[in-house]
C-alpha atoms as a PDB file:
ATOM      1  CA  MET A   1     110.612  99.455 101.214  1.00  0.00           C
ATOM      2  CA  SER A   2     108.796  96.357  99.958  1.00  0.00           C
ATOM      3  CA  GLY A   3     105.800  98.529  99.040  1.00  0.00           C
ATOM      4  CA  ILE A   4     108.002 100.784  96.920  1.00  0.00           C
ATOM      5  CA  ASN A   5     109.536  97.764  95.188  1.00  0.00           C
ATOM      6  CA  THR A   6     106.058  96.408  94.470  1.00  0.00           C
ATOM      7  CA  LEU A   7     105.021  99.756  92.967  1.00  0.00           C
ATOM      8  CA  ILE A   8     108.151  99.902  90.796  1.00  0.00           C
ATOM      9  CA  SER A   9     107.693  96.297  89.708  1.00  0.00           C
ATOM     10  CA  GLY A  10     104.078  96.980  88.736  1.00  0.00           C
ATOM     11  CA  ALA A  11     105.026 100.119  86.817  1.00  0.00           C
ATOM     12  CA  SER A  12     107.705  98.195  84.921  1.00  0.00           C
ATOM     13  CA  ASP A  13     105.028  95.810  83.619  1.00  0.00           C
ATOM     14  CA  TYR A  14     103.160  98.782  82.107  1.00  0.00           C
ATOM     15  CA  PHE A  15     106.208 100.737  80.928  1.00  0.00           C
ATOM     16  CA  PRO A  16     109.142  98.310  80.538  1.00  0.00           C
ATOM     17  CA  MET A  17     110.956 100.780  78.283  1.00  0.00           C
ATOM     18  CA  PHE A  18     110.940 103.506  80.967  1.00  0.00           C
ATOM     19  CA  VAL A  19     110.938 101.751  84.354  1.00  0.00           C
ATOM     20  CA  ARG A  20     113.482  99.146  85.400  1.00  0.00           C
ATOM     21  CA  LYS A  21     112.451  96.411  87.794  1.00  0.00           C
ATOM     22  CA  PRO A  22     114.096  96.390  91.241  1.00  0.00           C
ATOM     23  CA  ALA A  23     116.932  93.951  91.867  1.00  0.00           C
ATOM     24  CA  PRO A  24     115.611  90.376  91.987  1.00  0.00           C
ATOM     25  CA  ARG A  25     115.510  88.437  95.248  1.00  0.00           C
ATOM     26  CA  PHE A  26     116.452  85.213  93.477  1.00  0.00           C
ATOM     27  CA  VAL A  27     118.281  84.466  90.241  1.00  0.00           C
ATOM     28  CA  SER A  28     118.866  81.212  88.402  1.00  0.00           C
ATOM     29  CA  GLU A  29     122.229  79.640  87.628  1.00  0.00           C
ATOM     30  CA  SER A  30     122.056  81.272  84.205  1.00  0.00           C
ATOM     31  CA  GLY A  31     121.647  84.685  85.820  1.00  0.00           C
ATOM     32  CA  ASN A  32     117.979  85.200  84.907  1.00  0.00           C
ATOM     33  CA  ARG A  33     115.482  86.657  87.367  1.00  0.00           C
ATOM     34  CA  ILE A  34     113.276  84.000  88.965  1.00  0.00           C
ATOM     35  CA  TYR A  35     109.583  84.786  88.579  1.00  0.00           C
ATOM     36  CA  GLY A  36     108.420  82.031  90.900  1.00  0.00           C
ATOM     37  CA  ILE A  37     107.524  78.380  91.113  1.00  0.00           C
ATOM     38  CA  VAL A  38     104.591  76.449  89.655  1.00  0.00           C
ATOM     39  CA  ALA A  39     103.025  73.093  90.438  1.00  0.00           C
ATOM     40  CA  GLU A  40     100.423  71.075  88.553  1.00  0.00           C
ATOM     41  CA  PHE A  41      97.342  69.392  89.993  1.00  0.00           C
ATOM     42  CA  SER A  42      95.008  67.033  88.178  1.00  0.00           C
ATOM     43  CA  GLU A  43      91.925  67.048  90.452  1.00  0.00           C
ATOM     44  CA  THR A  44      89.714  69.818  91.764  1.00  0.00           C
ATOM     45  CA  PRO A  45      89.589  68.669  95.429  1.00  0.00           C
ATOM     46  CA  VAL A  46      93.386  68.359  95.524  1.00  0.00           C
ATOM     47  CA  VAL A  47      94.071  71.850  94.165  1.00  0.00           C
ATOM     48  CA  PHE A  48      91.370  73.279  96.447  1.00  0.00           C
ATOM     49  CA  LYS A  49      93.045  71.781  99.508  1.00  0.00           C
ATOM     50  CA  ALA A  50      96.460  72.840  98.214  1.00  0.00           C
ATOM     51  CA  ALA A  51      95.221  76.425  97.895  1.00  0.00           C
ATOM     52  CA  GLN A  52      94.145  76.328 101.535  1.00  0.00           C
ATOM     53  CA  GLN A  53      97.590  75.064 102.549  1.00  0.00           C
ATOM     54  CA  VAL A  54      99.354  77.832 100.605  1.00  0.00           C
ATOM     55  CA  ARG A  55      97.009  80.390 102.177  1.00  0.00           C
ATOM     56  CA  ASP A  56      97.640  79.044 105.673  1.00  0.00           C
ATOM     57  CA  ALA A  57     101.399  79.133 105.041  1.00  0.00           C
ATOM     58  CA  GLY A  58     101.123  82.923 104.771  1.00  0.00           C
ATOM     59  CA  TYR A  59     101.809  83.463 101.076  1.00  0.00           C
ATOM     60  CA  SER A  60     100.299  86.615  99.566  1.00  0.00           C
ATOM     61  CA  LYS A  61     101.639  86.789  95.977  1.00  0.00           C
ATOM     62  CA  TRP A  62     100.313  83.687  94.290  1.00  0.00           C
ATOM     63  CA  ASP A  63      97.467  82.508  92.106  1.00  0.00           C
ATOM     64  CA  VAL A  64      95.499  79.449  91.059  1.00  0.00           C
ATOM     65  CA  HIS A  65      94.935  78.843  87.334  1.00  0.00           C
ATOM     66  CA  SER A  66      92.038  76.598  86.394  1.00  0.00           C
ATOM     67  CA  PRO A  67      90.320  75.479  83.166  1.00  0.00           C
ATOM     68  CA  PHE A  68      86.952  76.310  84.767  1.00  0.00           C
ATOM     69  CA  PRO A  69      85.635  78.276  87.773  1.00  0.00           C
ATOM     70  CA  VAL A  70      86.013  76.466  91.096  1.00  0.00           C
ATOM     71  CA  HIS A  71      83.321  77.232  93.651  1.00  0.00           C
ATOM     72  CA  ASP A  72      84.625  78.944  96.821  1.00  0.00           C
ATOM     73  CA  MET A  73      88.184  79.106  95.468  1.00  0.00           C
ATOM     74  CA  GLU A  74      88.374  82.766  96.481  1.00  0.00           C
ATOM     75  CA  GLU A  75      87.717  81.776 100.084  1.00  0.00           C
ATOM     76  CA  ALA A  76      90.236  78.949  99.895  1.00  0.00           C
ATOM     77  CA  MET A  77      92.857  81.410  98.646  1.00  0.00           C
ATOM     78  CA  GLY A  78      91.970  84.001 101.285  1.00  0.00           C
ATOM     79  CA  ILE A  79      91.231  86.680  98.692  1.00  0.00           C
ATOM     80  CA  LYS A  80      89.966  89.837 100.363  1.00  0.00           C
ATOM     81  CA  THR A  81      87.153  92.053  99.092  1.00  0.00           C
ATOM     82  CA  THR A  82      88.231  94.179  96.152  1.00  0.00           C
ATOM     83  CA  LYS A  83      88.906  97.894  96.627  1.00  0.00           C
ATOM     84  CA  LEU A  84      87.052  98.699  93.403  1.00  0.00           C
ATOM     85  CA  PRO A  85      83.808  99.799  95.153  1.00  0.00           C
ATOM     86  CA  LEU A  86      85.787 102.387  97.149  1.00  0.00           C
ATOM     87  CA  ILE A  87      87.414 103.634  93.942  1.00  0.00           C
ATOM     88  CA  ALA A  88      83.999 103.863  92.273  1.00  0.00           C
ATOM     89  CA  ALA A  89      82.499 105.740  95.248  1.00  0.00           C
ATOM     90  CA  GLY A  90      85.373 108.218  95.278  1.00  0.00           C
ATOM     91  CA  ALA A  91      85.016 108.788  91.548  1.00  0.00           C
ATOM     92  CA  ALA A  92      81.250 109.312  91.836  1.00  0.00           C
ATOM     93  CA  ILE A  93      81.636 111.898  94.600  1.00  0.00           C
ATOM     94  CA  SER A  94      84.421 113.623  92.654  1.00  0.00           C
ATOM     95  CA  GLY A  95      82.306 113.739  89.485  1.00  0.00           C
ATOM     96  CA  VAL A  96      79.285 115.209  91.250  1.00  0.00           C
ATOM     97  CA  ALA A  97      81.407 117.763  93.129  1.00  0.00           C
ATOM     98  CA  PHE A  98      83.286 118.777  89.976  1.00  0.00           C
ATOM     99  CA  ALA A  99      80.041 119.242  88.023  1.00  0.00           C
ATOM    100  CA  ALA A 100      78.474 121.343  90.782  1.00  0.00           C
ATOM    101  CA  PHE A 101      81.583 123.488  91.161  1.00  0.00           C
ATOM    102  CA  LEU A 102      81.980 124.003  87.418  1.00  0.00           C
ATOM    103  CA  GLN A 103      78.371 125.071  86.921  1.00  0.00           C
ATOM    104  CA  TRP A 104      78.327 127.258  90.013  1.00  0.00           C
ATOM    105  CA  VAL A 105      81.476 129.133  88.958  1.00  0.00           C
ATOM    106  CA  THR A 106      80.149 129.533  85.416  1.00  0.00           C
ATOM    107  CA  SER A 107      76.642 130.716  86.289  1.00  0.00           C
ATOM    108  CA  ASP A 108      77.373 132.718  89.432  1.00  0.00           C
ATOM    109  CA  MET A 109      80.804 134.256  88.757  1.00  0.00           C
ATOM    110  CA  LEU A 110      81.967 134.081  85.143  1.00  0.00           C
ATOM    111  CA  TYR A 111      78.738 134.512  83.161  1.00  0.00           C
ATOM    112  CA  PRO A 112      75.941 135.489  85.588  1.00  0.00           C
ATOM    113  CA  MET A 113      72.551 135.770  83.968  1.00  0.00           C
ATOM    114  CA  VAL A 114      68.974 135.436  85.103  1.00  0.00           C
ATOM    115  CA  VAL A 115      67.327 132.244  83.805  1.00  0.00           C
ATOM    116  CA  GLN A 116      63.577 131.765  84.479  1.00  0.00           C
ATOM    117  CA  GLY A 117      63.775 134.195  87.381  1.00  0.00           C
ATOM    118  CA  LYS A 118      66.099 131.977  89.406  1.00  0.00           C
ATOM    119  CA  PRO A 119      68.909 133.518  91.495  1.00  0.00           C
ATOM    120  CA  PHE A 120      72.527 133.282  90.343  1.00  0.00           C
ATOM    121  CA  GLY A 121      74.071 129.936  91.223  1.00  0.00           C
ATOM    122  CA  ALA A 122      70.761 128.156  91.829  1.00  0.00           C
ATOM    123  CA  TRP A 123      71.563 124.461  92.260  1.00  0.00           C
ATOM    124  CA  GLU A 124      68.388 122.933  90.795  1.00  0.00           C
ATOM    125  CA  PRO A 125      69.467 123.270  87.121  1.00  0.00           C
ATOM    126  CA  PHE A 126      72.799 121.647  88.010  1.00  0.00           C
ATOM    127  CA  MET A 127      71.303 118.232  88.743  1.00  0.00           C
ATOM    128  CA  PRO A 128      71.351 116.672  85.217  1.00  0.00           C
ATOM    129  CA  ILE A 129      75.030 117.508  84.664  1.00  0.00           C
ATOM    130  CA  MET A 130      75.929 116.415  88.202  1.00  0.00           C
ATOM    131  CA  PHE A 131      74.270 113.067  87.526  1.00  0.00           C
ATOM    132  CA  GLU A 132      75.936 112.628  84.141  1.00  0.00           C
ATOM    133  CA  LEU A 133      79.453 113.504  85.340  1.00  0.00           C
ATOM    134  CA  GLY A 134      78.999 111.284  88.382  1.00  0.00           C
ATOM    135  CA  VAL A 135      78.179 108.343  86.107  1.00  0.00           C
ATOM    136  CA  LEU A 136      80.989 109.213  83.668  1.00  0.00           C
ATOM    137  CA  PHE A 137      83.678 109.471  86.366  1.00  0.00           C
ATOM    138  CA  THR A 138      82.474 106.220  87.956  1.00  0.00           C
ATOM    139  CA  ALA A 139      82.510 104.329  84.657  1.00  0.00           C
ATOM    140  CA  PHE A 140      86.074 105.356  83.844  1.00  0.00           C
ATOM    141  CA  ALA A 141      87.236 104.701  87.413  1.00  0.00           C
ATOM    142  CA  CYS A 142      85.772 101.183  87.336  1.00  0.00           C
ATOM    143  CA  LEU A 143      87.371 100.415  83.982  1.00  0.00           C
ATOM    144  CA  PHE A 144      90.858 101.717  84.684  1.00  0.00           C
ATOM    145  CA  GLY A 145      90.721 100.695  88.360  1.00  0.00           C
ATOM    146  CA  MET A 146      89.907  97.110  87.382  1.00  0.00           C
ATOM    147  CA  LEU A 147      92.787  97.047  84.907  1.00  0.00           C
ATOM    148  CA  ALA A 148      95.229  98.502  87.446  1.00  0.00           C
ATOM    149  CA  LEU A 149      94.198  96.142  90.261  1.00  0.00           C
ATOM    150  CA  ASN A 150      94.582  93.164  87.904  1.00  0.00           C
ATOM    151  CA  GLY A 151      97.939  94.366  86.600  1.00  0.00           C
ATOM    152  CA  LEU A 152      96.611  94.772  83.077  1.00  0.00           C
ATOM    153  CA  PRO A 153      97.360  95.295  80.295  1.00  0.00           C
ATOM    154  CA  ARG A 154     100.398  93.041  80.414  1.00  0.00           C
ATOM    155  CA  PHE A 155     101.823  92.193  77.027  1.00  0.00           C
ATOM    156  CA  HIS A 156     103.841  89.205  78.229  1.00  0.00           C
ATOM    157  CA  HIS A 157     103.792  86.973  81.284  1.00  0.00           C
ATOM    158  CA  PRO A 158     106.647  84.671  82.380  1.00  0.00           C
ATOM    159  CA  LEU A 159     104.223  81.747  82.682  1.00  0.00           C
ATOM    160  CA  PHE A 160     103.601  81.895  78.934  1.00  0.00           C
ATOM    161  CA  ALA A 161     107.137  80.605  78.393  1.00  0.00           C
ATOM    162  CA  HIS A 162     106.351  77.461  80.420  1.00  0.00           C
ATOM    163  CA  GLU A 163     105.092  74.913  77.899  1.00  0.00           C
ATOM    164  CA  ARG A 164     103.141  72.802  80.397  1.00  0.00           C
ATOM    165  CA  PHE A 165     101.229  75.867  81.598  1.00  0.00           C
ATOM    166  CA  TYR A 166      99.089  75.731  78.454  1.00  0.00           C
ATOM    167  CA  ARG A 167      97.425  72.585  79.756  1.00  0.00           C
ATOM    168  CA  VAL A 168      95.613  74.801  82.272  1.00  0.00           C
ATOM    169  CA  SER A 169      93.132  75.605  79.498  1.00  0.00           C
ATOM    170  CA  ASN A 170      92.417  71.891  79.055  1.00  0.00           C
ATOM    171  CA  ASP A 171      92.803  69.442  81.929  1.00  0.00           C
ATOM    172  CA  ARG A 172      95.225  70.768  84.563  1.00  0.00           C
ATOM    173  CA  PHE A 173      95.219  73.110  87.532  1.00  0.00           C
ATOM    174  CA  VAL A 174      98.293  75.198  88.304  1.00  0.00           C
ATOM    175  CA  ILE A 175      99.358  77.009  91.446  1.00  0.00           C
ATOM    176  CA  ALA A 176     101.977  79.705  90.832  1.00  0.00           C
ATOM    177  CA  ILE A 177     103.798  81.362  93.738  1.00  0.00           C
ATOM    178  CA  GLU A 178     105.821  84.486  92.920  1.00  0.00           C
ATOM    179  CA  ALA A 179     109.394  84.985  94.056  1.00  0.00           C
ATOM    180  CA  GLU A 180     108.501  88.516  95.229  1.00  0.00           C
ATOM    181  CA  ASP A 181     106.404  87.013  98.018  1.00  0.00           C
ATOM    182  CA  PRO A 182     108.113  87.702 101.364  1.00  0.00           C
ATOM    183  CA  ASN A 183     107.706  84.030 102.375  1.00  0.00           C
ATOM    184  CA  PHE A 184     109.107  82.652  99.129  1.00  0.00           C
ATOM    185  CA  ASP A 185     112.046  80.296  99.447  1.00  0.00           C
ATOM    186  CA  PRO A 186     112.836  77.921  96.561  1.00  0.00           C
ATOM    187  CA  ALA A 187     113.405  74.873  98.764  1.00  0.00           C
ATOM    188  CA  LYS A 188     110.645  75.491 101.328  1.00  0.00           C
ATOM    189  CA  THR A 189     108.076  76.506  98.718  1.00  0.00           C
ATOM    190  CA  ARG A 190     108.839  73.434  96.620  1.00  0.00           C
ATOM    191  CA  ALA A 191     108.467  71.223  99.702  1.00  0.00           C
ATOM    192  CA  LEU A 192     105.097  72.821 100.487  1.00  0.00           C
ATOM    193  CA  LEU A 193     103.784  72.209  96.972  1.00  0.00           C
ATOM    194  CA  GLU A 194     105.057  68.619  97.012  1.00  0.00           C
ATOM    195  CA  GLN A 195     103.345  68.021 100.350  1.00  0.00           C
ATOM    196  CA  ALA A 196     100.137  69.519  98.911  1.00  0.00           C
ATOM    197  CA  GLY A 197     100.159  66.959  96.096  1.00  0.00           C
ATOM    198  CA  GLY A 198     101.657  69.021  93.300  1.00  0.00           C
ATOM    199  CA  SER A 199     103.538  67.497  90.388  1.00  0.00           C
ATOM    200  CA  HIS A 200     105.890  68.817  87.692  1.00  0.00           C
ATOM    201  CA  ILE A 201     107.059  71.513  90.101  1.00  0.00           C
ATOM    202  CA  THR A 202     109.133  73.964  88.086  1.00  0.00           C
ATOM    203  CA  ILE A 203     111.082  77.148  88.717  1.00  0.00           C
ATOM    204  CA  ILE A 204     109.980  79.824  86.220  1.00  0.00           C
ATOM    205  CA  GLU A 205     112.587  82.292  84.983  1.00  0.00           C
ATOM    206  CA  GLU A 206     112.001  85.711  83.467  1.00  0.00           C
ATOM    207  CA  GLU A 207     113.852  86.046  80.197  1.00  0.00           C
ATOM    208  CA  ASP A 208     115.287  89.461  79.355  1.00  0.00           C
END
């Protein structure tokens, strides 16, 4: 059920006018959906260690925002290898197979004709188109697969309404844990971030 809710929630980010988000797990006193909780960190070693603590606590829907790349942060967050290479491989195989099938049907069944004495459906002339369609399918799969896996395009993000979040482009690090995470609990998550050295810990609401 959680997987279906995640799919619906993701679709609502792309098509908010057509897809309604599932019922929120947490709401604020004003009745708004709670997006999650954020905490600020001022030093790289502190946020790196905090990321390890959040990872070890079992959270899966969270992110670290930094004004510059932090070496080995992916490992500290427990980020797994992307599925994009599998998507690209599937697209490449599909492109090659589609090109071969299309040319074989055309030359052997629909419009058979002898070309340079070769038999109908000879595969050698198919190679350039098979290569080109394989590259084309892979390129589009990588582009749209990357956007989908990153949840993009997203025209608005709840963190943009948090004024202090803009300091992440200057001199602050921010850890944001989403309320959709199965382990999220406002009190326990706040306590974890406080223990990790976070400051200005704030509940972020989603405004309708």
